[in-house]
Amino acid sequence: MAELVYTPVIAAAKTVFRVMDYRFRIEGTHNVPRSGGAVLVSNHISYLDFIFAGYGALLSAGRLTRFMAKKQVFDHPVSGPLMRGMRHIPVDRAAGADSYARAVGMLRAGEVVGVFAEATISRSFTVKEIKNGSVRMAQEAGVPLIPMALWGTQRLWTKGRPKQLGQRHVPITIVVGEPMRVSPGDDVNAVTLDLRERMTALAERAQSDYPDRTAGAWWLPAHLGGSAPTPEEAAAMDAEEAASRRKGD
């Protein structure tokens, strides 16, 4: 099937990457399968993560990733047509079974489906608790899980910070982990814990080799000497935001 929207979007993204001179470091490219379905599971630290996670899969194996994203993105007059044209998957929390079934169907058809299993951006820039939906999809479709970690993308645009899209020469790391196989009888929650541990290890590897670790930087986790919220502080902020949203409803 011709990719009438995805192909020009990729070309535009690559042009931006060149103009902004992002300093990419990409590891584990051989871990994305060159054919067949797979669930790509990345950490989530930026509003732009789907671009960079998809770029990692594209460079790794020439694969296009169909990301699961909240329905509101598809309702937007600009992003909506692009998301639908690239065949991404809208997630309506009030009707989650539909998006889950669509994702499983795409996996069985040989597509790569991208999931941010933390559900929301991590304000602490550490890997939060993750949902088990990605594991259940991989198990049901009989495809591998591919853990991934991104680092540096939070410096461009993240939750609670102004956009800094004009920055040039930002180092961005993409690390792809070894595939995980989920057998029919495996305990989904145990596999989910294992997946989170692997994502955390990948993120820590990306952080340890990152060329800029400025002490006190807002984009650096607290445990590495940065001024980002601790996981506990971030959880409290998320809870406050959720409560405020419920009142607004």
C-alpha atoms as a PDB file:
ATOM      1  CA  MET A   1       0.000   0.000   0.000  1.00  0.00           C
ATOM      2  CA  ALA A   2       1.377   3.404  -0.976  1.00  0.00           C
ATOM      3  CA  GLU A   3       2.126   5.672   1.980  1.00  0.00           C
ATOM      4  CA  LEU A   4       0.804   8.953   0.565  1.00  0.00           C
ATOM      5  CA  VAL A   5       1.018  10.768   3.925  1.00  0.00           C
ATOM      6  CA  TYR A   6       3.712   8.941   5.903  1.00  0.00           C
ATOM      7  CA  THR A   7       6.387   9.238   3.198  1.00  0.00           C
ATOM      8  CA  PRO A   8       6.286  13.062   2.874  1.00  0.00           C
ATOM      9  CA  VAL A   9       6.027  13.418   6.668  1.00  0.00           C
ATOM     10  CA  ILE A  10       9.233  11.375   7.033  1.00  0.00           C
ATOM     11  CA  ALA A  11      10.942  13.527   4.400  1.00  0.00           C
ATOM     12  CA  ALA A  12       9.889  16.687   6.238  1.00  0.00           C
ATOM     13  CA  ALA A  13      11.125  15.298   9.573  1.00  0.00           C
ATOM     14  CA  LYS A  14      14.508  14.403   8.105  1.00  0.00           C
ATOM     15  CA  THR A  15      14.825  17.927   6.729  1.00  0.00           C
ATOM     16  CA  VAL A  16      14.128  19.382  10.172  1.00  0.00           C
ATOM     17  CA  PHE A  17      16.689  17.002  11.716  1.00  0.00           C
ATOM     18  CA  ARG A  18      19.334  18.246   9.264  1.00  0.00           C
ATOM     19  CA  VAL A  19      18.480  21.924   9.705  1.00  0.00           C
ATOM     20  CA  MET A  20      18.480  21.662  13.501  1.00  0.00           C
ATOM     21  CA  ASP A  21      21.580  19.463  13.390  1.00  0.00           C
ATOM     22  CA  TYR A  22      20.394  17.059  16.077  1.00  0.00           C
ATOM     23  CA  ARG A  23      23.277  14.898  17.300  1.00  0.00           C
ATOM     24  CA  PHE A  24      21.799  11.413  17.030  1.00  0.00           C
ATOM     25  CA  ARG A  25      23.207   8.317  18.667  1.00  0.00           C
ATOM     26  CA  ILE A  26      21.207   5.209  17.825  1.00  0.00           C
ATOM     27  CA  GLU A  27      21.978   1.758  19.236  1.00  0.00           C
ATOM     28  CA  GLY A  28      20.475  -1.703  18.799  1.00  0.00           C
ATOM     29  CA  THR A  29      19.234  -1.169  15.261  1.00  0.00           C
ATOM     30  CA  HIS A  30      19.373  -4.910  14.568  1.00  0.00           C
ATOM     31  CA  ASN A  31      16.692  -5.600  17.203  1.00  0.00           C
ATOM     32  CA  VAL A  32      13.749  -4.333  15.144  1.00  0.00           C
ATOM     33  CA  PRO A  33      12.524  -7.198  12.915  1.00  0.00           C
ATOM     34  CA  ARG A  34      12.648  -6.476   9.196  1.00  0.00           C
ATOM     35  CA  SER A  35       9.304  -8.152   8.630  1.00  0.00           C
ATOM     36  CA  GLY A  36       6.299  -9.314  10.630  1.00  0.00           C
ATOM     37  CA  GLY A  37       4.394  -7.723  13.460  1.00  0.00           C
ATOM     38  CA  ALA A  38       6.027  -6.307  16.586  1.00  0.00           C
ATOM     39  CA  VAL A  39       5.053  -4.080  19.509  1.00  0.00           C
ATOM     40  CA  LEU A  40       7.520  -1.221  19.976  1.00  0.00           C
ATOM     41  CA  VAL A  41       7.382   0.031  23.581  1.00  0.00           C
ATOM     42  CA  SER A  42       9.200   3.264  24.415  1.00  0.00           C
ATOM     43  CA  ASN A  43       9.602   5.437  27.467  1.00  0.00           C
ATOM     44  CA  HIS A  44       7.752   8.748  27.277  1.00  0.00           C
ATOM     45  CA  ILE A  45       9.523  12.021  28.112  1.00  0.00           C
ATOM     46  CA  SER A  46       8.399  14.390  25.354  1.00  0.00           C
ATOM     47  CA  TYR A  47       5.430  15.359  23.203  1.00  0.00           C
ATOM     48  CA  LEU A  48       7.664  14.552  20.206  1.00  0.00           C
ATOM     49  CA  ASP A  49       8.589  11.011  21.214  1.00  0.00           C
ATOM     50  CA  PHE A  50       6.514   9.328  18.521  1.00  0.00           C
ATOM     51  CA  ILE A  51       8.624  11.098  15.880  1.00  0.00           C
ATOM     52  CA  PHE A  52      11.916   9.894  17.326  1.00  0.00           C
ATOM     53  CA  ALA A  53      10.732   6.397  18.259  1.00  0.00           C
ATOM     54  CA  GLY A  54       9.379   6.005  14.739  1.00  0.00           C
ATOM     55  CA  TYR A  55      12.661   7.312  13.327  1.00  0.00           C
ATOM     56  CA  GLY A  56      14.543   4.670  15.298  1.00  0.00           C
ATOM     57  CA  ALA A  57      12.407   1.874  13.837  1.00  0.00           C
ATOM     58  CA  LEU A  58      12.711   3.346  10.350  1.00  0.00           C
ATOM     59  CA  LEU A  59      16.513   3.504  10.513  1.00  0.00           C
ATOM     60  CA  SER A  60      16.724   0.119  12.166  1.00  0.00           C
ATOM     61  CA  ALA A  61      14.732  -1.891   9.671  1.00  0.00           C
ATOM     62  CA  GLY A  62      12.960   0.464   7.314  1.00  0.00           C
ATOM     63  CA  ARG A  63       9.737  -0.128   9.256  1.00  0.00           C
ATOM     64  CA  LEU A  64       6.860   2.301   9.596  1.00  0.00           C
ATOM     65  CA  THR A  65       5.345   2.365  13.073  1.00  0.00           C
ATOM     66  CA  ARG A  66       1.614   2.798  13.715  1.00  0.00           C
ATOM     67  CA  PHE A  67       1.390   4.549  17.066  1.00  0.00           C
ATOM     68  CA  MET A  68      -1.436   4.345  19.555  1.00  0.00           C
ATOM     69  CA  ALA A  69      -2.325   7.903  20.605  1.00  0.00           C
ATOM     70  CA  LYS A  70      -5.125   9.565  22.504  1.00  0.00           C
ATOM     71  CA  LYS A  71      -8.230  10.385  20.511  1.00  0.00           C
ATOM     72  CA  GLN A  72      -7.877  14.140  21.088  1.00  0.00           C
ATOM     73  CA  VAL A  73      -4.845  14.211  18.784  1.00  0.00           C
ATOM     74  CA  PHE A  74      -7.012  12.806  15.992  1.00  0.00           C
ATOM     75  CA  ASP A  75      -9.719  15.400  16.667  1.00  0.00           C
ATOM     76  CA  HIS A  76      -7.308  18.293  16.038  1.00  0.00           C
ATOM     77  CA  PRO A  77      -7.844  19.971  12.638  1.00  0.00           C
ATOM     78  CA  VAL A  78      -4.135  19.844  11.764  1.00  0.00           C
ATOM     79  CA  SER A  79      -2.758  16.733  13.436  1.00  0.00           C
ATOM     80  CA  GLY A  80      -5.935  14.673  12.929  1.00  0.00           C
ATOM     81  CA  PRO A  81      -5.718  14.247   9.136  1.00  0.00           C
ATOM     82  CA  LEU A  82      -1.992  13.509   9.393  1.00  0.00           C
ATOM     83  CA  MET A  83      -2.489  10.877  12.095  1.00  0.00           C
ATOM     84  CA  ARG A  84      -5.269   9.179  10.155  1.00  0.00           C
ATOM     85  CA  GLY A  85      -3.273   9.357   6.924  1.00  0.00           C
ATOM     86  CA  MET A  86      -0.336   7.613   8.611  1.00  0.00           C
ATOM     87  CA  ARG A  87      -2.742   4.964   9.931  1.00  0.00           C
ATOM     88  CA  HIS A  88      -1.993   5.573  13.575  1.00  0.00           C
ATOM     89  CA  ILE A  89      -4.480   4.210  16.098  1.00  0.00           C
ATOM     90  CA  PRO A  90      -6.775   6.510  18.112  1.00  0.00           C
ATOM     91  CA  VAL A  91      -7.309   5.512  21.735  1.00  0.00           C
ATOM     92  CA  ASP A  92     -10.606   6.523  23.301  1.00  0.00           C
ATOM     93  CA  ARG A  93     -10.432   5.781  27.020  1.00  0.00           C
ATOM     94  CA  ALA A  94     -14.209   5.361  27.041  1.00  0.00           C
ATOM     95  CA  ALA A  95     -13.985   2.664  24.356  1.00  0.00           C
ATOM     96  CA  GLY A  96     -10.522   1.176  24.771  1.00  0.00           C
ATOM     97  CA  ALA A  97     -11.508  -2.274  23.498  1.00  0.00           C
ATOM     98  CA  ASP A  98     -11.932  -0.949  19.961  1.00  0.00           C
ATOM     99  CA  SER A  99      -8.418   0.497  19.734  1.00  0.00           C
ATOM    100  CA  TYR A 100      -6.961  -2.635  21.340  1.00  0.00           C
ATOM    101  CA  ALA A 101      -8.691  -4.872  18.777  1.00  0.00           C
ATOM    102  CA  ARG A 102      -7.519  -2.674  15.922  1.00  0.00           C
ATOM    103  CA  ALA A 103      -3.944  -2.804  17.172  1.00  0.00           C
ATOM    104  CA  VAL A 104      -4.007  -6.599  17.478  1.00  0.00           C
ATOM    105  CA  GLY A 105      -5.407  -6.822  13.954  1.00  0.00           C
ATOM    106  CA  MET A 106      -2.603  -4.659  12.604  1.00  0.00           C
ATOM    107  CA  LEU A 107      -0.003  -6.734  14.443  1.00  0.00           C
ATOM    108  CA  ARG A 108      -1.390  -9.917  12.920  1.00  0.00           C
ATOM    109  CA  ALA A 109      -1.216  -8.244   9.516  1.00  0.00           C
ATOM    110  CA  GLY A 110       2.521  -7.699  10.018  1.00  0.00           C
ATOM    111  CA  GLU A 111       2.604  -4.082  11.195  1.00  0.00           C
ATOM    112  CA  VAL A 112       4.807  -2.510  13.891  1.00  0.00           C
ATOM    113  CA  VAL A 113       2.591  -0.907  16.540  1.00  0.00           C
ATOM    114  CA  GLY A 114       4.105   1.729  18.834  1.00  0.00           C
ATOM    115  CA  VAL A 115       2.996   2.085  22.446  1.00  0.00           C
ATOM    116  CA  PHE A 116       3.949   4.499  25.229  1.00  0.00           C
ATOM    117  CA  ALA A 117       3.056   2.154  28.064  1.00  0.00           C
ATOM    118  CA  GLU A 118       3.471   4.783  30.793  1.00  0.00           C
ATOM    119  CA  ALA A 119       0.331   6.383  29.275  1.00  0.00           C
ATOM    120  CA  THR A 120       1.508   9.922  30.069  1.00  0.00           C
ATOM    121  CA  ILE A 121       4.789  11.812  29.905  1.00  0.00           C
ATOM    122  CA  SER A 122       7.116  11.194  32.830  1.00  0.00           C
ATOM    123  CA  ARG A 123       7.839  14.499  34.565  1.00  0.00           C
ATOM    124  CA  SER A 124      10.724  12.902  36.483  1.00  0.00           C
ATOM    125  CA  PHE A 125      12.276  11.562  33.248  1.00  0.00           C
ATOM    126  CA  THR A 126      12.490   8.117  34.816  1.00  0.00           C
ATOM    127  CA  VAL A 127      10.365   5.180  33.646  1.00  0.00           C
ATOM    128  CA  LYS A 128       7.044   5.232  35.501  1.00  0.00           C
ATOM    129  CA  GLU A 129       4.856   2.223  36.214  1.00  0.00           C
ATOM    130  CA  ILE A 130       3.641   0.871  32.886  1.00  0.00           C
ATOM    131  CA  LYS A 131       0.332  -0.557  31.715  1.00  0.00           C
ATOM    132  CA  ASN A 132       0.167  -4.195  30.613  1.00  0.00           C
ATOM    133  CA  GLY A 133      -1.728  -3.555  27.358  1.00  0.00           C
ATOM    134  CA  SER A 134       1.381  -3.817  25.174  1.00  0.00           C
ATOM    135  CA  VAL A 135       2.212  -7.204  26.665  1.00  0.00           C
ATOM    136  CA  ARG A 136      -1.338  -8.475  26.211  1.00  0.00           C
ATOM    137  CA  MET A 137      -1.340  -7.346  22.570  1.00  0.00           C
ATOM    138  CA  ALA A 138       1.972  -9.054  21.840  1.00  0.00           C
ATOM    139  CA  GLN A 139       0.765 -12.228  23.534  1.00  0.00           C
ATOM    140  CA  GLU A 140      -2.547 -12.299  21.678  1.00  0.00           C
ATOM    141  CA  ALA A 141      -1.032 -11.506  18.282  1.00  0.00           C
ATOM    142  CA  GLY A 142       1.975 -13.804  18.765  1.00  0.00           C
ATOM    143  CA  VAL A 143       4.557 -11.095  18.036  1.00  0.00           C
ATOM    144  CA  PRO A 144       7.662  -9.865  19.886  1.00  0.00           C
ATOM    145  CA  LEU A 145       7.921  -6.895  22.228  1.00  0.00           C
ATOM    146  CA  ILE A 146      10.710  -4.448  21.377  1.00  0.00           C
ATOM    147  CA  PRO A 147      11.725  -2.210  24.323  1.00  0.00           C
ATOM    148  CA  MET A 148      13.156   1.200  23.473  1.00  0.00           C
ATOM    149  CA  ALA A 149      14.480   4.210  25.353  1.00  0.00           C
ATOM    150  CA  LEU A 150      14.709   7.809  24.194  1.00  0.00           C
ATOM    151  CA  TRP A 151      16.842  10.492  25.787  1.00  0.00           C
ATOM    152  CA  GLY A 152      17.292  14.182  24.999  1.00  0.00           C
ATOM    153  CA  THR A 153      13.862  14.647  23.407  1.00  0.00           C
ATOM    154  CA  GLN A 154      12.567  16.218  26.629  1.00  0.00           C
ATOM    155  CA  ARG A 155      14.828  19.202  25.988  1.00  0.00           C
ATOM    156  CA  LEU A 156      12.702  20.146  22.960  1.00  0.00           C
ATOM    157  CA  TRP A 157       9.163  19.950  24.364  1.00  0.00           C
ATOM    158  CA  THR A 158       7.874  18.255  27.466  1.00  0.00           C
ATOM    159  CA  LYS A 159       5.089  18.556  30.009  1.00  0.00           C
ATOM    160  CA  GLY A 160       5.165  21.650  32.188  1.00  0.00           C
ATOM    161  CA  ARG A 161       7.914  23.384  30.206  1.00  0.00           C
ATOM    162  CA  PRO A 162       7.781  25.884  27.327  1.00  0.00           C
ATOM    163  CA  LYS A 163       8.573  24.562  23.865  1.00  0.00           C
ATOM    164  CA  GLN A 164      12.218  24.897  22.905  1.00  0.00           C
ATOM    165  CA  LEU A 165      11.920  23.735  19.308  1.00  0.00           C
ATOM    166  CA  GLY A 166      14.439  26.285  18.098  1.00  0.00           C
ATOM    167  CA  GLN A 167      17.371  24.615  19.826  1.00  0.00           C
ATOM    168  CA  ARG A 168      20.058  23.321  17.491  1.00  0.00           C
ATOM    169  CA  HIS A 169      22.698  20.638  18.014  1.00  0.00           C
ATOM    170  CA  VAL A 170      20.678  18.862  20.741  1.00  0.00           C
ATOM    171  CA  PRO A 171      22.051  15.368  21.436  1.00  0.00           C
ATOM    172  CA  ILE A 172      19.307  12.749  21.062  1.00  0.00           C
ATOM    173  CA  THR A 173      19.816   9.106  21.949  1.00  0.00           C
ATOM    174  CA  ILE A 174      17.666   6.198  20.775  1.00  0.00           C
ATOM    175  CA  VAL A 175      18.420   2.768  22.237  1.00  0.00           C
ATOM    176  CA  VAL A 176      16.580  -0.326  20.992  1.00  0.00           C
ATOM    177  CA  GLY A 177      16.610  -3.381  23.246  1.00  0.00           C
ATOM    178  CA  GLU A 178      16.503  -7.089  22.512  1.00  0.00           C
ATOM    179  CA  PRO A 179      13.118  -8.543  21.483  1.00  0.00           C
ATOM    180  CA  MET A 180      11.026 -10.184  24.178  1.00  0.00           C
ATOM    181  CA  ARG A 181       8.877 -13.186  23.330  1.00  0.00           C
ATOM    182  CA  VAL A 182       5.574 -13.610  25.157  1.00  0.00           C
ATOM    183  CA  SER A 183       4.261 -17.174  25.181  1.00  0.00           C
ATOM    184  CA  PRO A 184       0.523 -17.923  25.514  1.00  0.00           C
ATOM    185  CA  GLY A 185       0.905 -19.188  29.084  1.00  0.00           C
ATOM    186  CA  ASP A 186       3.154 -16.409  30.363  1.00  0.00           C
ATOM    187  CA  ASP A 187       2.007 -14.263  33.288  1.00  0.00           C
ATOM    188  CA  VAL A 188       1.211 -10.864  31.760  1.00  0.00           C
ATOM    189  CA  ASN A 189       1.972  -8.887  34.917  1.00  0.00           C
ATOM    190  CA  ALA A 190       5.335 -10.607  35.390  1.00  0.00           C
ATOM    191  CA  VAL A 191       6.291  -9.876  31.782  1.00  0.00           C
ATOM    192  CA  THR A 192       5.181  -6.264  32.257  1.00  0.00           C
ATOM    193  CA  LEU A 193       7.528  -5.903  35.237  1.00  0.00           C
ATOM    194  CA  ASP A 194      10.357  -7.404  33.191  1.00  0.00           C
ATOM    195  CA  LEU A 195       9.590  -5.015  30.325  1.00  0.00           C
ATOM    196  CA  ARG A 196       9.743  -2.003  32.639  1.00  0.00           C
ATOM    197  CA  GLU A 197      13.073  -3.170  34.080  1.00  0.00           C
ATOM    198  CA  ARG A 198      14.492  -3.492  30.575  1.00  0.00           C
ATOM    199  CA  MET A 199      13.213  -0.057  29.560  1.00  0.00           C
ATOM    200  CA  THR A 200      14.739   1.423  32.717  1.00  0.00           C
ATOM    201  CA  ALA A 201      18.089  -0.221  31.967  1.00  0.00           C
ATOM    202  CA  LEU A 202      18.015   1.124  28.406  1.00  0.00           C
ATOM    203  CA  ALA A 203      17.166   4.624  29.650  1.00  0.00           C
ATOM    204  CA  GLU A 204      19.974   4.513  32.196  1.00  0.00           C
ATOM    205  CA  ARG A 205      22.401   3.406  29.488  1.00  0.00           C
ATOM    206  CA  ALA A 206      21.307   6.317  27.307  1.00  0.00           C
ATOM    207  CA  GLN A 207      21.725   8.719  30.234  1.00  0.00           C
ATOM    208  CA  SER A 208      25.147   7.393  31.254  1.00  0.00           C
ATOM    209  CA  ASP A 209      26.628   7.985  27.788  1.00  0.00           C
ATOM    210  CA  TYR A 210      24.858  11.277  27.105  1.00  0.00           C
ATOM    211  CA  PRO A 211      27.354  14.011  26.192  1.00  0.00           C
ATOM    212  CA  ASP A 212      25.673  16.707  28.312  1.00  0.00           C
ATOM    213  CA  ARG A 213      24.976  16.103  32.012  1.00  0.00           C
ATOM    214  CA  THR A 214      24.914  19.685  33.270  1.00  0.00           C
ATOM    215  CA  ALA A 215      24.511  19.693  37.050  1.00  0.00           C
ATOM    216  CA  GLY A 216      21.163  21.115  38.104  1.00  0.00           C
ATOM    217  CA  ALA A 217      19.690  21.010  34.589  1.00  0.00           C
ATOM    218  CA  TRP A 218      15.887  20.926  34.568  1.00  0.00           C
ATOM    219  CA  TRP A 219      15.889  18.063  32.061  1.00  0.00           C
ATOM    220  CA  LEU A 220      18.130  15.831  34.165  1.00  0.00           C
ATOM    221  CA  PRO A 221      16.569  13.419  36.706  1.00  0.00           C
ATOM    222  CA  ALA A 222      16.977  14.262  40.365  1.00  0.00           C
ATOM    223  CA  HIS A 223      18.989  11.105  41.082  1.00  0.00           C
ATOM    224  CA  LEU A 224      21.563  12.228  38.492  1.00  0.00           C
ATOM    225  CA  GLY A 225      21.927  15.689  40.006  1.00  0.00           C
ATOM    226  CA  GLY A 226      19.275  17.444  37.937  1.00  0.00           C
ATOM    227  CA  SER A 227      16.398  19.608  39.109  1.00  0.00           C
ATOM    228  CA  ALA A 228      13.593  17.522  37.580  1.00  0.00           C
ATOM    229  CA  PRO A 229      10.916  16.389  40.063  1.00  0.00           C
ATOM    230  CA  THR A 230      11.589  13.141  41.889  1.00  0.00           C
ATOM    231  CA  PRO A 231       9.316  10.221  40.898  1.00  0.00           C
ATOM    232  CA  GLU A 232       7.313  10.829  44.082  1.00  0.00           C
ATOM    233  CA  GLU A 233       6.924  14.550  43.376  1.00  0.00           C
ATOM    234  CA  ALA A 234       5.995  13.804  39.767  1.00  0.00           C
ATOM    235  CA  ALA A 235       3.352  11.287  40.871  1.00  0.00           C
ATOM    236  CA  ALA A 236       1.816  13.907  43.172  1.00  0.00           C
ATOM    237  CA  MET A 237       1.747  16.430  40.321  1.00  0.00           C
ATOM    238  CA  ASP A 238       0.083  13.883  38.028  1.00  0.00           C
ATOM    239  CA  ALA A 239      -2.520  13.082  40.676  1.00  0.00           C
ATOM    240  CA  GLU A 240      -3.273  16.775  41.156  1.00  0.00           C
ATOM    241  CA  GLU A 241      -3.638  17.271  37.410  1.00  0.00           C
ATOM    242  CA  ALA A 242      -5.977  14.252  37.101  1.00  0.00           C
ATOM    243  CA  ALA A 243      -8.127  15.508  39.979  1.00  0.00           C
ATOM    244  CA  SER A 244      -8.379  18.944  38.371  1.00  0.00           C
ATOM    245  CA  ARG A 245      -9.361  17.362  35.058  1.00  0.00           C
ATOM    246  CA  ARG A 246     -12.095  15.319  36.720  1.00  0.00           C
ATOM    247  CA  LYS A 247     -13.519  18.468  38.316  1.00  0.00           C
ATOM    248  CA  GLY A 248     -13.534  20.119  34.919  1.00  0.00           C
ATOM    249  CA  ASP A 249     -15.539  17.213  33.490  1.00  0.00           C
END
